[in-house]
Amino acid sequence: QVQLVESGGGLVQAGGSLRLSCAASGRTFSRSVMGWFRQAPGKEREFVACISWIGGTTTYADSVKGRYTISRDNAKNTVYLQMNSLKPEDTAVYYCAADADDWGPIDARARAFEYWGQGTRVTVSS
């Protein structure tokens, strides 16, 4: 059974940092695009960042560019999201996602990802 388990969320003051982790199990995703999405209260789920299978290509939403960094450790089947200079508007549940296909293209659309985690909550206070 494939599972994506996020961790690292919590409460942080504006300007602070958090590092989210997403540990995958059940199959290897070392050849798959992985990504992060978020959903704020009352809003639709939105793309945050994604990373190619060897980490050579990354894509970010404009709202997080320059503040967030996505990375991966294929040996650990884990993807990370380093979030710096957090703002209250970053408050959301953050979801990890993985493409089921090997060697797939970078695609920021939610429908490109077949596997999803349960989410980890990030709250940024002002």
Protein backbone atom coordinates (compact mmCIF):
# COMPACT_ATOMS: atom_id res chain seq x y z
CA GLN A 1 0.00 0.00 0.00
CA VAL A 2 1.42 3.34 -1.04
CA GLN A 3 1.52 6.00 1.65
CA LEU A 4 2.75 9.56 1.78
CA VAL A 5 3.13 10.87 5.31
CA GLU A 6 3.78 14.55 5.93
CA SER A 7 5.34 15.95 9.07
CA GLY A 8 6.86 19.17 10.34
CA GLY A 9 3.86 21.44 10.42
CA GLY A 10 3.01 23.61 13.38
CA LEU A 11 2.55 27.12 14.67
CA VAL A 12 5.16 29.72 13.85
CA GLN A 13 5.37 33.50 14.02
CA ALA A 14 5.52 35.59 10.88
CA GLY A 15 9.06 35.72 9.57
CA GLY A 16 9.87 32.30 10.96
CA SER A 17 10.73 29.03 9.24
CA LEU A 18 9.48 25.49 9.08
CA ARG A 19 10.68 22.41 7.26
CA LEU A 20 8.10 19.95 6.06
CA SER A 21 8.94 16.34 5.24
CA CYS A 22 7.04 13.79 3.23
CA ALA A 23 8.07 10.18 3.64
CA ALA A 24 6.82 7.77 1.00
CA SER A 25 6.38 4.05 1.46
CA GLY A 26 4.96 1.18 -0.52
CA ARG A 27 6.95 1.91 -3.67
CA THR A 28 9.87 4.01 -4.74
CA PHE A 29 9.28 7.49 -6.12
CA SER A 30 12.89 8.11 -7.06
CA ARG A 31 11.86 8.25 -10.72
CA SER A 32 8.72 10.34 -10.16
CA VAL A 33 7.90 14.01 -9.94
CA MET A 34 6.85 14.98 -6.43
CA GLY A 35 5.20 18.12 -5.22
CA TRP A 36 3.58 20.15 -2.49
CA PHE A 37 0.16 21.77 -2.52
CA ARG A 38 -1.71 23.70 0.14
CA GLN A 39 -5.26 24.52 1.04
CA ALA A 40 -6.14 27.51 3.16
CA PRO A 41 -9.45 27.72 5.04
CA GLY A 42 -12.26 28.49 2.65
CA LYS A 43 -10.03 28.29 -0.41
CA GLU A 44 -9.25 25.74 -3.08
CA ARG A 45 -6.15 23.62 -3.03
CA GLU A 46 -3.28 25.36 -4.79
CA PHE A 47 0.09 24.39 -6.14
CA VAL A 48 3.16 25.29 -4.08
CA ALA A 49 6.19 23.54 -5.59
CA CYS A 50 7.31 20.43 -7.42
CA ILE A 51 10.59 18.73 -8.19
CA SER A 52 11.78 16.41 -10.93
CA TRP A 53 12.90 12.85 -10.28
CA ILE A 54 16.57 13.67 -9.77
CA GLY A 55 15.94 17.10 -8.35
CA GLY A 56 17.43 18.94 -11.25
CA THR A 57 14.28 20.89 -12.05
CA THR A 58 12.06 22.70 -9.59
CA THR A 59 8.98 24.83 -10.07
CA TYR A 60 7.37 27.20 -7.57
CA ALA A 61 4.21 29.19 -7.26
CA ASP A 62 4.88 32.90 -7.56
CA SER A 63 3.59 33.43 -4.03
CA VAL A 64 6.38 31.33 -2.50
CA LYS A 65 9.22 31.87 -4.95
CA GLY A 66 12.38 32.99 -3.16
CA ARG A 67 11.06 31.90 0.24
CA TYR A 68 10.42 28.18 -0.18
CA THR A 69 12.80 25.45 -1.34
CA ILE A 70 11.76 21.97 -2.38
CA SER A 71 14.28 19.15 -2.27
CA ARG A 72 14.36 15.39 -2.20
CA ASP A 73 16.42 12.49 -0.90
CA ASN A 74 15.73 9.53 -3.16
CA ALA A 75 17.66 7.18 -0.91
CA LYS A 76 15.12 7.97 1.80
CA ASN A 77 12.14 8.19 -0.56
CA THR A 78 11.46 11.59 1.01
CA VAL A 79 10.71 15.06 -0.25
CA TYR A 80 11.14 18.24 1.79
CA LEU A 81 9.81 21.76 1.76
CA GLN A 82 11.90 24.40 3.50
CA MET A 83 9.72 27.42 4.21
CA ASN A 84 11.38 30.68 5.21
CA SER A 85 10.08 34.19 5.82
CA LEU A 86 6.65 32.80 6.52
CA LYS A 87 3.64 35.07 6.27
CA PRO A 88 0.17 34.77 7.79
CA GLU A 89 -1.18 34.12 4.29
CA ASP A 90 0.93 30.95 4.17
CA THR A 91 -1.39 29.44 6.76
CA ALA A 92 -2.86 26.27 5.27
CA VAL A 93 -2.85 22.52 5.31
CA TYR A 94 0.10 21.40 3.21
CA TYR A 95 -0.16 18.24 1.15
CA CYS A 96 2.54 16.11 -0.39
CA ALA A 97 1.82 14.57 -3.78
CA ALA A 98 3.55 12.10 -6.09
CA ASP A 99 3.18 11.21 -9.74
CA ALA A 100 2.51 7.51 -10.28
CA ASP A 101 4.45 7.50 -13.55
CA ASP A 102 8.21 7.16 -13.85
CA TRP A 103 10.14 9.79 -15.79
CA GLY A 104 7.10 12.02 -16.09
CA PRO A 105 7.31 15.72 -17.00
CA ILE A 106 7.14 18.53 -14.48
CA ASP A 107 3.47 19.45 -14.22
CA ALA A 108 2.09 21.78 -11.56
CA ARG A 109 -1.52 20.71 -12.01
CA ALA A 110 -3.05 18.68 -9.19
CA ARG A 111 -4.42 16.14 -11.66
CA ALA A 112 -0.84 15.17 -12.60
CA PHE A 113 -0.39 13.60 -9.17
CA GLU A 114 -2.04 10.32 -8.28
CA TYR A 115 -0.83 9.86 -4.73
CA TRP A 116 -1.55 12.29 -1.90
CA GLY A 117 -0.74 12.52 1.76
CA GLN A 118 -3.17 13.43 4.52
CA GLY A 119 -1.66 16.85 5.03
CA THR A 120 0.11 18.74 7.79
CA ARG A 121 -1.19 22.01 9.17
CA VAL A 122 0.91 25.15 9.11
CA THR A 123 -0.27 28.19 11.03
CA VAL A 124 1.58 31.48 10.80
CA SER A 125 0.68 34.08 13.39
CA SER A 126 1.10 37.79 12.82
